[in-house]
Amino acid sequence: MKFKQIVTTVLISAVTAAASIFVYGKYIQPKQPMVFQNGTEIPVNYARYMPGTEGNANATPPSDFTTAAKAAVPGVVHIKTKINPRQVTNGNNLQRKRSILQDLFGDDFFGDEFNGGGDGRRYYVPGQMASGSGVLISADGYIVTNNHVIADADEISVSLSNENKTYKAKLVGTDPSTDLAVVKIDAKDLPYLLYGNSDNVEIGQWVLAVGYPLNLDATVTAGIVSAKSRSIGINKSGGRVNSAIESFIQTDAAVNQGNSGGALVNTAGELVGINSAIASPTGSYAGYSYAIPVNLIKKVVDDILKYGNVQRAYLGVRYAPSSLIANMSDEQLKDAGIRRDVNGVQVTEVLPNSSAAAAGLRTGDVITAVNGVKIPTTSQLSEQVARYKPGDKISLSYLRDGKEITVNNVVMKNLKGNTDLVKVTALDRLGADLSELDKDQAARLGVNGGVVVNDIGNGILKKQTTMAPGFVILKAGSTQITSVDDLSQAVEKQKTLKLIGFYPEKGGNIYYYNVTTGTGTENL
């Protein structure tokens, strides 16, 4: 009897255990993925559980970019440029130990060399060749590229991906502030890229970079968008430091030298940006690349084609850059009246007769939105404002004393404080950031006034002289210069002239540079 009881107990226990295992396995235990390796089934559990991923077809990256590549590659071109050898003025100077003010503008002081006699010392700069990429945006041959790709070029040639033929290109216009340029080739029925919408680009989205890196044929690389609205401080080549506009799309798609001006496209093959720069300690790709967003490109290109230059609106505020705020101590921020915990752009000064002044902005206000688009950083503010031209109306939202205020129908203005169309002048063609000496500066330097060359970009000064930033222009030809308007009038009137002045850090020596301004129709 005891033996039968033992056997019965064991059987009942076994059945109960089997039933428990069956119920647990079928109804209780969470299902885990299985990994197969070399034909052997090996159960593998992930380290963490991610709810919501079951059956999600979008959890894995796309495995095929051929559709996007086929759409993009034919519309991306190879651009080659040539800069001819040229003669430049070598900063000729007259060694004098006299005061700059003493007989400064008299013929006796400058002598024949400064009054039409002698050309001074000149030297030749050897020619250069370079290459980059561009994107066809129309069937009749309009191409958008980077300004730095074609800067100072005397000859521009374009090759298509599906042809052995090379076209000579004509420069249509440039915008150094955004590092964009438009060129044109004489051809028809060309493949071109369709504009996408860079506002819809999201961090983590797959994108393709298409271009001609390292002088290779058309090359496609893939990556994801790793950040938006990046400012990296590279757009200063126009000589207009304060007008540089940067709000890059940052990606990890491999981009190298020669990719500049090429396309950044989404997986539908639509243009979402123009590849422009890389972050690299070596000069080659090291992980991050930067593209100009297409919504900004569309505005710049449309202006160039319609007006010949970009019609840029200015809000008329000075603000604390985000990068500066990040590096300031709490005490420094307090002294400057700047808060660290705001989600917007803090205004440090409102310029008179500006759009911002008309909207009622004051120092200390925080700009939060333009036309309803949130503006958490200064780079995003620059990009949004750059999409408008003088005369356009926007809504502007800002915080004051914790309360958000929205002003509608704010009329955008140009730098001169009006809504007139801005034309390219001979002064613009100098390619320099200029400012006037104020009275205190002039008195300190011992001069009546002058114009300071703050920065030199692509233009006449770079192409024809060795002038360096910091030069103070005192005379242009026979005209005494005390303001930017004086310089503008002198440059407009004279096809060739001498720019005369000095470098304060080099003492009282007078330097001059010969320049040819042309007729005002030359493309730069």
Protein backbone atom coordinates (compact mmCIF):
# COMPACT_ATOMS: atom_id res chain seq x y z
CA MET A 1 0.00 0.00 0.00
CA LYS A 2 2.77 2.35 0.89
CA PHE A 3 4.46 1.69 -2.47
CA LYS A 4 1.24 2.45 -4.37
CA GLN A 5 0.78 5.69 -2.39
CA ILE A 6 4.33 6.77 -3.20
CA VAL A 7 3.89 6.04 -6.91
CA THR A 8 0.56 7.87 -6.97
CA THR A 9 2.06 10.90 -5.23
CA VAL A 10 4.98 11.03 -7.68
CA LEU A 11 2.66 10.80 -10.69
CA ILE A 12 0.40 13.55 -9.37
CA SER A 13 3.44 15.78 -8.72
CA ALA A 14 4.80 15.18 -12.23
CA VAL A 15 1.46 15.94 -13.88
CA THR A 16 1.06 19.07 -11.76
CA ALA A 17 4.56 20.27 -12.64
CA ALA A 18 4.05 19.63 -16.35
CA ALA A 19 0.73 21.46 -16.27
CA SER A 20 2.32 24.40 -14.46
CA ILE A 21 5.12 24.63 -17.02
CA PHE A 22 2.61 24.46 -19.88
CA VAL A 23 0.35 27.18 -18.43
CA TYR A 24 3.33 29.45 -17.61
CA GLY A 25 4.86 28.99 -21.02
CA LYS A 26 1.61 29.58 -22.90
CA TYR A 27 -0.07 32.34 -20.93
CA ILE A 28 2.39 33.98 -18.52
CA GLN A 29 5.98 33.98 -19.85
CA PRO A 30 6.68 37.02 -22.16
CA LYS A 31 7.74 35.98 -25.62
CA GLN A 32 11.41 36.75 -26.33
CA PRO A 33 13.11 36.96 -29.74
CA MET A 34 15.18 34.06 -30.99
CA VAL A 35 18.50 34.44 -32.79
CA PHE A 36 19.62 31.80 -35.23
CA GLN A 37 23.34 31.29 -35.71
CA ASN A 38 24.87 28.68 -38.01
CA GLY A 39 21.59 26.77 -38.16
CA THR A 40 21.43 26.34 -34.39
CA GLU A 41 18.56 27.79 -32.42
CA ILE A 42 19.93 29.83 -29.53
CA PRO A 43 17.55 31.69 -27.21
CA VAL A 44 18.78 35.23 -26.58
CA ASN A 45 17.11 37.83 -24.39
CA TYR A 46 17.68 41.56 -24.88
CA ALA A 47 19.04 43.45 -21.90
CA ARG A 48 16.00 45.70 -21.69
CA TYR A 49 12.43 45.58 -22.74
CA MET A 50 11.18 48.25 -25.13
CA PRO A 51 7.40 48.43 -25.13
CA GLY A 52 5.67 49.27 -28.37
CA THR A 53 8.28 47.83 -30.72
CA GLU A 54 6.42 44.60 -31.43
CA GLY A 55 5.40 44.51 -35.06
CA ASN A 56 6.81 48.02 -35.72
CA ALA A 57 8.00 48.02 -39.32
CA ASN A 58 9.79 51.36 -38.82
CA ALA A 59 12.00 50.13 -35.99
CA THR A 60 14.79 49.25 -38.43
CA PRO A 61 16.56 51.61 -40.84
CA PRO A 62 15.74 51.45 -44.55
CA SER A 63 17.83 48.82 -46.30
CA ASP A 64 17.69 50.31 -49.79
CA PHE A 65 18.49 53.89 -50.86
CA THR A 66 18.52 53.17 -54.59
CA THR A 67 15.34 55.13 -55.34
CA ALA A 68 16.68 58.27 -53.68
CA ALA A 69 20.11 57.85 -55.29
CA LYS A 70 18.61 57.39 -58.77
CA ALA A 71 16.58 60.57 -58.32
CA ALA A 72 19.46 62.65 -56.93
CA VAL A 73 22.65 61.68 -58.77
CA PRO A 74 21.63 62.96 -62.26
CA GLY A 75 20.81 66.37 -60.80
CA VAL A 76 24.16 66.88 -59.02
CA VAL A 77 27.00 68.31 -61.11
CA HIS A 78 30.77 68.58 -60.87
CA ILE A 79 32.05 72.17 -60.77
CA LYS A 80 35.65 73.07 -61.60
CA THR A 81 37.02 76.59 -61.23
CA LYS A 82 40.10 78.44 -62.38
CA ILE A 83 41.57 81.60 -60.88
CA ASN A 84 44.00 83.26 -63.27
CA PRO A 85 47.33 84.68 -62.07
CA ARG A 86 46.81 88.29 -61.04
CA GLN A 87 48.72 91.38 -60.03
CA VAL A 88 48.02 92.92 -56.64
CA THR A 89 49.08 96.02 -54.77
CA ASN A 90 51.55 95.13 -52.03
CA GLY A 91 50.52 97.68 -49.44
CA ASN A 92 52.94 100.36 -50.61
CA ASN A 93 53.82 102.74 -47.81
CA LEU A 94 55.53 106.05 -47.30
CA GLN A 95 57.83 106.03 -44.28
CA ARG A 96 57.20 109.32 -42.48
CA LYS A 97 57.70 110.19 -38.84
CA ARG A 98 55.31 113.11 -38.92
CA SER A 99 51.89 113.29 -37.37
CA ILE A 100 49.16 111.83 -39.58
CA LEU A 101 47.20 115.05 -39.15
CA GLN A 102 50.12 117.26 -40.26
CA ASP A 103 49.59 118.13 -43.94
CA LEU A 104 47.69 114.84 -44.24
CA PHE A 105 45.79 115.69 -47.36
CA GLY A 106 48.27 118.06 -48.98
CA ASP A 107 50.09 117.21 -52.20
CA ASP A 108 53.42 117.98 -50.55
CA PHE A 109 52.92 115.28 -47.93
CA PHE A 110 51.91 112.46 -50.25
CA GLY A 111 54.13 113.49 -53.17
CA ASP A 112 53.71 112.54 -56.81
CA GLU A 113 53.36 108.84 -56.05
CA PHE A 114 50.13 109.44 -54.10
CA ASN A 115 48.70 111.88 -56.60
CA GLY A 116 48.76 109.96 -59.83
CA GLY A 117 52.46 109.36 -60.31
CA GLY A 118 54.00 105.89 -60.00
CA ASP A 119 52.27 102.60 -59.46
CA GLY A 120 54.40 101.49 -56.54
CA ARG A 121 55.35 97.89 -55.92
CA ARG A 122 53.13 95.16 -57.27
CA TYR A 123 53.52 91.41 -57.40
CA TYR A 124 51.82 88.45 -59.01
CA VAL A 125 49.67 85.85 -57.28
CA PRO A 126 49.87 82.48 -59.07
CA GLY A 127 46.75 80.94 -60.57
CA GLN A 128 44.72 78.30 -58.78
CA MET A 129 42.35 75.49 -59.70
CA ALA A 130 39.70 73.90 -57.50
CA SER A 131 36.60 71.74 -57.70
CA GLY A 132 33.31 71.25 -55.93
CA SER A 133 29.73 70.25 -56.55
CA GLY A 134 26.46 71.88 -57.52
CA VAL A 135 22.76 71.06 -57.81
CA LEU A 136 20.60 71.58 -60.89
CA ILE A 137 17.38 73.33 -59.90
CA SER A 138 15.84 73.81 -63.36
CA ALA A 139 15.73 72.06 -66.72
CA ASP A 140 17.35 75.05 -68.45
CA GLY A 141 20.60 74.92 -66.51
CA TYR A 142 20.36 76.97 -63.31
CA ILE A 143 22.62 75.53 -60.62
CA VAL A 144 22.92 76.33 -56.92
CA THR A 145 26.24 75.79 -55.17
CA ASN A 146 28.32 77.28 -52.36
CA ASN A 147 29.75 80.76 -52.71
CA HIS A 148 33.14 79.48 -51.55
CA VAL A 149 33.17 76.96 -54.42
CA ILE A 150 33.17 79.70 -57.08
CA ALA A 151 34.69 82.58 -55.08
CA ASP A 152 37.10 84.72 -57.15
CA ALA A 153 36.85 82.28 -60.09
CA ASP A 154 37.71 83.64 -63.52
CA GLU A 155 36.44 80.49 -65.23
CA ILE A 156 33.72 78.06 -64.12
CA SER A 157 33.09 74.73 -65.86
CA VAL A 158 30.36 72.18 -65.17
CA SER A 159 30.16 68.47 -65.93
CA LEU A 160 27.03 66.33 -65.62
CA SER A 161 27.05 62.86 -64.12
CA ASN A 162 25.69 61.18 -67.27
CA GLU A 163 27.71 63.09 -69.88
CA ASN A 164 31.33 63.50 -70.86
CA LYS A 165 30.59 67.01 -72.09
CA THR A 166 31.81 70.05 -70.13
CA TYR A 167 29.83 73.29 -70.08
CA LYS A 168 31.13 76.79 -69.45
CA ALA A 169 29.11 78.39 -66.68
CA LYS A 170 28.17 82.00 -66.07
CA LEU A 171 27.91 83.41 -62.58
CA VAL A 172 24.39 84.72 -61.94
CA GLY A 173 24.77 85.95 -58.36
CA THR A 174 26.14 85.24 -54.90
CA ASP A 175 25.18 85.60 -51.25
CA PRO A 176 28.25 85.30 -49.02
CA SER A 177 26.13 85.70 -45.88
CA THR A 178 24.60 82.26 -46.46
CA ASP A 179 27.52 80.94 -48.56
CA LEU A 180 25.30 80.38 -51.60
CA ALA A 181 25.74 81.13 -55.30
CA VAL A 182 23.81 80.56 -58.52
CA VAL A 183 25.48 79.74 -61.85
CA LYS A 184 23.97 79.01 -65.27
CA ILE A 185 24.93 76.72 -68.14
CA ASP A 186 23.48 76.91 -71.65
CA ALA A 187 21.55 73.65 -71.94
CA LYS A 188 18.00 72.31 -72.07
CA ASP A 189 15.98 69.37 -70.79
CA LEU A 190 18.36 68.72 -67.92
CA PRO A 191 17.50 66.52 -64.92
CA TYR A 192 16.99 68.58 -61.79
CA LEU A 193 16.18 68.01 -58.14
CA LEU A 194 12.84 68.85 -56.59
CA TYR A 195 12.81 71.02 -53.48
CA GLY A 196 11.85 69.29 -50.26
CA ASN A 197 10.89 70.99 -46.99
CA SER A 198 13.72 71.41 -44.50
CA ASP A 199 11.27 72.42 -41.77
CA ASN A 200 9.97 68.85 -41.85
CA VAL A 201 13.43 67.31 -41.48
CA GLU A 202 13.70 65.58 -38.12
CA ILE A 203 16.61 64.51 -35.97
CA GLY A 204 17.26 60.82 -36.56
CA GLN A 205 15.93 60.94 -40.13
CA TRP A 206 17.95 59.21 -42.85
CA VAL A 207 19.52 61.45 -45.50
CA LEU A 208 21.94 61.05 -48.41
CA ALA A 209 24.85 63.31 -49.37
CA VAL A 210 25.56 63.44 -53.11
CA GLY A 211 28.58 65.16 -54.63
CA TYR A 212 32.06 64.88 -56.12
CA PRO A 213 34.45 64.47 -53.17
CA LEU A 214 38.21 64.40 -53.67
CA ASN A 215 37.72 64.93 -57.43
CA LEU A 216 35.99 61.55 -57.76
CA ASP A 217 32.91 60.87 -59.88
CA ALA A 218 29.44 61.24 -58.39
CA THR A 219 29.43 59.68 -54.92
CA VAL A 220 26.54 58.88 -52.57
CA THR A 221 26.87 58.49 -48.79
CA ALA A 222 24.16 57.98 -46.18
CA GLY A 223 23.68 59.04 -42.59
CA ILE A 224 21.15 60.52 -40.21
CA VAL A 225 20.31 64.05 -39.20
CA SER A 226 22.08 64.48 -35.89
CA ALA A 227 21.08 68.10 -35.14
CA LYS A 228 19.37 71.14 -36.62
CA SER A 229 19.95 74.90 -36.49
CA ARG A 230 23.67 74.55 -35.87
CA SER A 231 25.91 77.62 -35.98
CA ILE A 232 29.63 76.91 -36.39
CA GLY A 233 31.02 80.40 -37.11
CA ILE A 234 32.21 79.71 -40.65
CA ASN A 235 30.15 82.15 -42.76
CA LYS A 236 32.37 85.22 -42.63
CA SER A 237 33.77 85.07 -46.13
CA GLY A 238 31.56 87.84 -47.42
CA GLY A 239 33.35 90.51 -45.47
CA ARG A 240 30.10 91.28 -43.67
CA VAL A 241 30.71 89.73 -40.28
CA ASN A 242 27.45 90.85 -38.71
CA SER A 243 25.32 89.55 -41.56
CA ALA A 244 26.53 85.94 -41.51
CA ILE A 245 23.57 83.53 -41.40
CA GLU A 246 24.08 80.00 -40.11
CA SER A 247 21.41 77.47 -39.23
CA PHE A 248 22.91 74.24 -40.55
CA ILE A 249 21.44 70.76 -40.71
CA GLN A 250 24.06 68.55 -39.05
CA THR A 251 24.44 64.98 -40.31
CA ASP A 252 26.85 62.08 -40.02
CA ALA A 253 26.75 61.34 -43.76
CA ALA A 254 30.36 61.22 -44.95
CA VAL A 255 31.32 64.49 -46.66
CA ASN A 256 34.81 65.39 -47.86
CA GLN A 257 36.49 68.21 -49.74
CA GLY A 258 34.76 68.53 -53.09
CA ASN A 259 31.33 67.73 -51.63
CA SER A 260 30.74 71.45 -51.06
CA GLY A 261 27.75 72.63 -53.07
CA GLY A 262 26.39 69.09 -53.42
CA ALA A 263 22.98 67.82 -52.42
CA LEU A 264 21.60 66.59 -49.13
CA VAL A 265 18.44 64.64 -49.99
CA ASN A 266 15.82 62.73 -48.06
CA THR A 267 14.89 59.13 -48.81
CA ALA A 268 12.40 60.35 -51.42
CA GLY A 269 15.24 62.00 -53.35
CA GLU A 270 14.06 65.55 -52.54
CA LEU A 271 16.60 68.30 -51.92
CA VAL A 272 16.62 69.30 -48.24
CA GLY A 273 20.01 71.03 -48.07
CA ILE A 274 23.28 72.02 -49.73
CA ASN A 275 26.36 70.42 -48.15
CA SER A 276 28.66 73.20 -47.09
CA ALA A 277 31.13 72.34 -44.32
CA ILE A 278 32.61 69.61 -42.16
CA ALA A 279 33.78 69.55 -38.56
CA SER A 280 37.27 68.11 -38.72
CA PRO A 281 40.63 68.52 -36.98
CA THR A 282 42.38 67.12 -40.06
CA GLY A 283 40.56 68.74 -42.99
CA SER A 284 38.95 65.43 -43.95
CA TYR A 285 35.69 63.91 -42.79
CA ALA A 286 35.71 63.12 -39.09
CA GLY A 287 32.10 62.46 -38.22
CA TYR A 288 29.95 65.54 -38.81
CA SER A 289 28.92 67.53 -41.85
CA TYR A 290 26.76 70.61 -42.25
CA ALA A 291 24.17 71.56 -44.87
CA ILE A 292 22.31 74.80 -45.58
CA PRO A 293 18.54 74.14 -45.20
CA VAL A 294 16.61 74.21 -48.47
CA ASN A 295 13.88 76.56 -47.23
CA LEU A 296 16.54 79.25 -46.82
CA ILE A 297 18.09 78.29 -50.17
CA LYS A 298 14.78 78.80 -51.98
CA LYS A 299 14.50 82.38 -50.75
CA VAL A 300 18.09 83.26 -51.64
CA VAL A 301 17.87 81.70 -55.11
CA ASP A 302 14.52 83.34 -55.88
CA ASP A 303 15.90 86.76 -54.92
CA ILE A 304 19.03 86.33 -57.03
CA LEU A 305 17.01 85.29 -60.08
CA LYS A 306 14.41 88.04 -59.64
CA TYR A 307 16.48 90.98 -58.37
CA GLY A 308 20.10 90.06 -59.10
CA ASN A 309 20.96 90.03 -55.40
CA VAL A 310 19.42 89.01 -52.09
CA GLN A 311 16.81 91.34 -50.61
CA ARG A 312 17.49 90.79 -46.95
CA ALA A 313 15.32 92.03 -44.12
CA TYR A 314 16.74 92.88 -40.71
CA LEU A 315 14.90 92.82 -37.42
CA GLY A 316 17.15 95.47 -35.90
CA VAL A 317 18.19 93.91 -32.59
CA ARG A 318 21.41 92.92 -30.95
CA TYR A 319 21.31 89.82 -28.81
CA ALA A 320 23.43 87.60 -26.63
CA PRO A 321 24.63 84.60 -28.70
CA SER A 322 23.71 81.22 -27.23
CA SER A 323 27.35 80.12 -27.24
CA LEU A 324 28.36 83.21 -25.27
CA ILE A 325 25.66 82.68 -22.65
CA ALA A 326 26.78 79.07 -22.17
CA ASN A 327 30.32 80.22 -21.33
CA MET A 328 29.36 83.07 -18.97
CA SER A 329 29.26 82.68 -15.21
CA ASP A 330 26.07 83.35 -13.27
CA GLU A 331 27.61 86.54 -11.91
CA GLN A 332 28.52 87.78 -15.40
CA LEU A 333 25.01 87.03 -16.65
CA LYS A 334 23.50 88.91 -13.73
CA ASP A 335 25.70 91.96 -14.37
CA ALA A 336 24.69 91.90 -18.06
CA GLY A 337 21.01 91.46 -17.24
CA ILE A 338 20.86 88.14 -19.09
CA ARG A 339 19.01 85.06 -17.91
CA ARG A 340 20.18 81.52 -18.55
CA ASP A 341 16.84 79.79 -18.06
CA VAL A 342 14.83 81.34 -20.93
CA ASN A 343 13.74 79.55 -24.07
CA GLY A 344 14.25 82.29 -26.63
CA VAL A 345 16.58 85.04 -27.82
CA GLN A 346 17.38 87.76 -25.30
CA VAL A 347 17.52 91.28 -26.69
CA THR A 348 20.47 93.38 -25.52
CA GLU A 349 19.80 96.40 -27.76
CA VAL A 350 17.05 97.62 -30.09
CA LEU A 351 18.27 99.74 -33.00
CA PRO A 352 16.33 102.93 -33.75
CA ASN A 353 14.05 103.08 -36.81
CA SER A 354 14.08 99.28 -37.06
CA SER A 355 11.35 96.67 -37.39
CA ALA A 356 11.97 95.63 -33.78
CA ALA A 357 11.55 99.22 -32.58
CA ALA A 358 8.28 99.49 -34.50
CA ALA A 359 7.10 96.27 -32.84
CA GLY A 360 7.76 97.79 -29.41
CA LEU A 361 10.68 95.58 -28.40
CA ARG A 362 12.92 96.78 -25.56
CA THR A 363 16.23 95.72 -24.11
CA GLY A 364 15.66 92.70 -21.87
CA ASP A 365 12.78 91.26 -23.91
CA VAL A 366 13.02 87.64 -25.05
CA ILE A 367 11.99 86.85 -28.63
CA THR A 368 10.10 83.54 -28.64
CA ALA A 369 8.53 83.20 -32.11
CA VAL A 370 8.46 84.61 -35.65
CA ASN A 371 5.20 84.00 -37.53
CA GLY A 372 4.32 81.39 -34.95
CA VAL A 373 7.60 79.46 -35.41
CA LYS A 374 9.29 78.91 -32.04
CA ILE A 375 12.74 80.55 -31.75
CA PRO A 376 14.76 78.94 -28.94
CA THR A 377 18.20 79.89 -30.32
CA THR A 378 19.89 82.79 -32.10
CA SER A 379 20.69 80.66 -35.16
CA GLN A 380 17.00 79.84 -35.60
CA LEU A 381 16.13 83.53 -35.31
CA SER A 382 18.69 84.38 -38.02
CA GLU A 383 17.31 81.72 -40.35
CA GLN A 384 13.68 82.75 -39.88
CA VAL A 385 14.35 86.47 -40.40
CA ALA A 386 16.52 85.68 -43.46
CA ARG A 387 13.48 84.15 -45.17
CA TYR A 388 11.87 87.56 -45.53
CA LYS A 389 12.61 90.63 -47.61
CA PRO A 390 12.01 94.32 -46.87
CA GLY A 391 8.30 95.09 -47.07
CA ASP A 392 7.17 91.65 -45.88
CA LYS A 393 4.96 91.55 -42.79
CA ILE A 394 5.45 89.12 -39.92
CA SER A 395 4.11 88.45 -36.46
CA LEU A 396 6.59 88.70 -33.61
CA SER A 397 6.19 87.14 -30.16
CA TYR A 398 8.28 88.06 -27.15
CA LEU A 399 8.34 87.74 -23.36
CA ARG A 400 8.35 90.75 -21.05
CA ASP A 401 8.06 90.40 -17.29
CA GLY A 402 6.90 86.80 -17.72
CA LYS A 403 4.08 87.74 -20.09
CA GLU A 404 4.11 86.80 -23.79
CA ILE A 405 3.21 89.57 -26.22
CA THR A 406 2.47 89.03 -29.92
CA VAL A 407 2.59 91.91 -32.40
CA ASN A 408 1.12 91.31 -35.85
CA ASN A 409 1.86 93.01 -39.17
CA VAL A 410 5.41 94.04 -38.29
CA VAL A 411 6.89 95.49 -41.49
CA MET A 412 10.39 94.20 -42.20
CA LYS A 413 13.02 96.77 -43.20
CA ASN A 414 16.47 96.79 -44.79
CA LEU A 415 19.67 98.01 -43.14
CA LYS A 416 18.86 101.60 -44.05
CA GLY A 417 15.57 101.41 -42.18
CA ASN A 418 13.23 101.44 -45.19
CA THR A 419 11.56 98.95 -47.51
CA ASP A 420 13.28 99.95 -50.76
CA LEU A 421 14.88 97.32 -52.97
CA VAL A 422 18.61 97.07 -52.31
CA LYS A 423 20.91 97.23 -55.33
CA VAL A 424 24.49 95.99 -55.48
CA THR A 425 26.80 99.01 -55.42
CA ALA A 426 30.48 99.43 -56.22
CA LEU A 427 31.06 99.71 -52.46
CA ASP A 428 29.44 96.31 -51.95
CA ARG A 429 31.75 94.94 -54.60
CA LEU A 430 34.76 95.84 -52.48
CA GLY A 431 33.74 92.81 -50.39
CA ALA A 432 34.46 94.28 -46.97
CA ASP A 433 32.80 94.83 -43.64
CA LEU A 434 33.17 98.57 -43.01
CA SER A 435 32.44 100.87 -40.10
CA GLU A 436 33.07 104.50 -39.31
CA LEU A 437 35.52 105.72 -36.71
CA ASP A 438 33.59 107.41 -33.94
CA LYS A 439 34.83 110.74 -32.58
CA ASP A 440 36.60 109.21 -29.60
CA GLN A 441 38.44 106.67 -31.79
CA ALA A 442 39.41 109.35 -34.28
CA ALA A 443 40.74 111.63 -31.53
CA ARG A 444 42.72 108.75 -30.03
CA LEU A 445 44.29 107.99 -33.42
CA GLY A 446 44.91 111.64 -34.22
CA VAL A 447 42.72 111.84 -37.36
CA ASN A 448 39.61 113.76 -38.35
CA GLY A 449 37.70 110.59 -39.18
CA GLY A 450 37.86 107.53 -41.39
CA VAL A 451 36.43 104.16 -42.31
CA VAL A 452 37.68 100.96 -40.67
CA VAL A 453 37.99 97.74 -42.69
CA ASN A 454 36.81 95.17 -40.13
CA ASP A 455 36.90 92.12 -42.36
CA ILE A 456 37.72 91.27 -45.98
CA GLY A 457 35.77 88.67 -47.93
CA ASN A 458 35.40 87.87 -51.62
CA GLY A 459 35.60 90.99 -53.72
CA ILE A 460 37.80 93.70 -55.15
CA LEU A 461 39.99 94.15 -52.08
CA LYS A 462 40.79 90.45 -51.87
CA LYS A 463 41.38 90.07 -55.62
CA GLN A 464 43.43 93.22 -56.19
CA THR A 465 45.23 94.03 -52.93
CA THR A 466 46.94 92.58 -49.88
CA MET A 467 44.97 94.83 -47.55
CA ALA A 468 44.37 93.31 -44.13
CA PRO A 469 41.58 93.86 -41.57
CA GLY A 470 42.25 96.83 -39.32
CA PHE A 471 43.17 99.21 -42.14
CA VAL A 472 41.70 102.70 -41.70
CA ILE A 473 40.80 104.43 -44.98
CA LEU A 474 41.44 108.17 -44.82
CA LYS A 475 41.35 109.06 -48.49
CA ALA A 476 39.97 107.50 -51.71
CA GLY A 477 41.58 109.07 -54.74
CA SER A 478 41.30 112.80 -54.10
CA THR A 479 38.37 112.50 -51.68
CA GLN A 480 38.81 112.78 -47.94
CA ILE A 481 36.95 109.94 -46.20
CA THR A 482 35.21 110.45 -42.88
CA SER A 483 32.16 108.21 -43.42
CA VAL A 484 31.03 105.12 -45.29
CA ASP A 485 28.87 107.36 -47.51
CA ASP A 486 31.98 109.36 -48.48
CA LEU A 487 33.71 106.15 -49.50
CA SER A 488 30.65 104.91 -51.39
CA GLN A 489 30.43 108.07 -53.47
CA ALA A 490 34.15 108.05 -54.25
CA VAL A 491 34.11 104.40 -55.36
CA GLU A 492 30.99 104.93 -57.51
CA LYS A 493 32.52 107.92 -59.33
CA GLN A 494 36.00 106.59 -60.07
CA LYS A 495 36.88 103.49 -62.06
CA THR A 496 40.41 103.40 -60.66
CA LEU A 497 41.64 105.00 -57.46
CA LYS A 498 44.02 104.72 -54.56
CA LEU A 499 42.72 103.85 -51.11
CA ILE A 500 44.98 105.68 -48.69
CA GLY A 501 45.22 105.19 -44.95
CA PHE A 502 47.12 103.47 -42.17
CA TYR A 503 47.20 100.54 -39.77
CA PRO A 504 46.93 101.90 -36.20
CA GLU A 505 48.93 98.95 -34.83
CA LYS A 506 51.77 99.75 -37.24
CA GLY A 507 52.22 103.34 -36.14
CA GLY A 508 51.89 106.43 -38.31
CA ASN A 509 53.06 105.05 -41.66
CA ILE A 510 50.76 105.79 -44.57
CA TYR A 511 49.81 102.92 -46.92
CA TYR A 512 47.96 102.94 -50.21
CA TYR A 513 46.34 100.31 -52.42
CA ASN A 514 45.48 100.66 -56.10
CA VAL A 515 42.07 99.26 -57.03
CA THR A 516 39.99 99.11 -60.18
CA THR A 517 36.28 99.27 -59.39
CA GLY A 518 35.07 98.78 -62.98
CA THR A 519 31.67 99.93 -64.19
CA GLY A 520 29.55 98.27 -61.51
CA THR A 521 28.48 95.37 -63.75
CA GLU A 522 31.29 92.91 -63.05
CA ASN A 523 30.25 89.72 -61.23
CA LEU A 524 32.25 88.92 -58.14
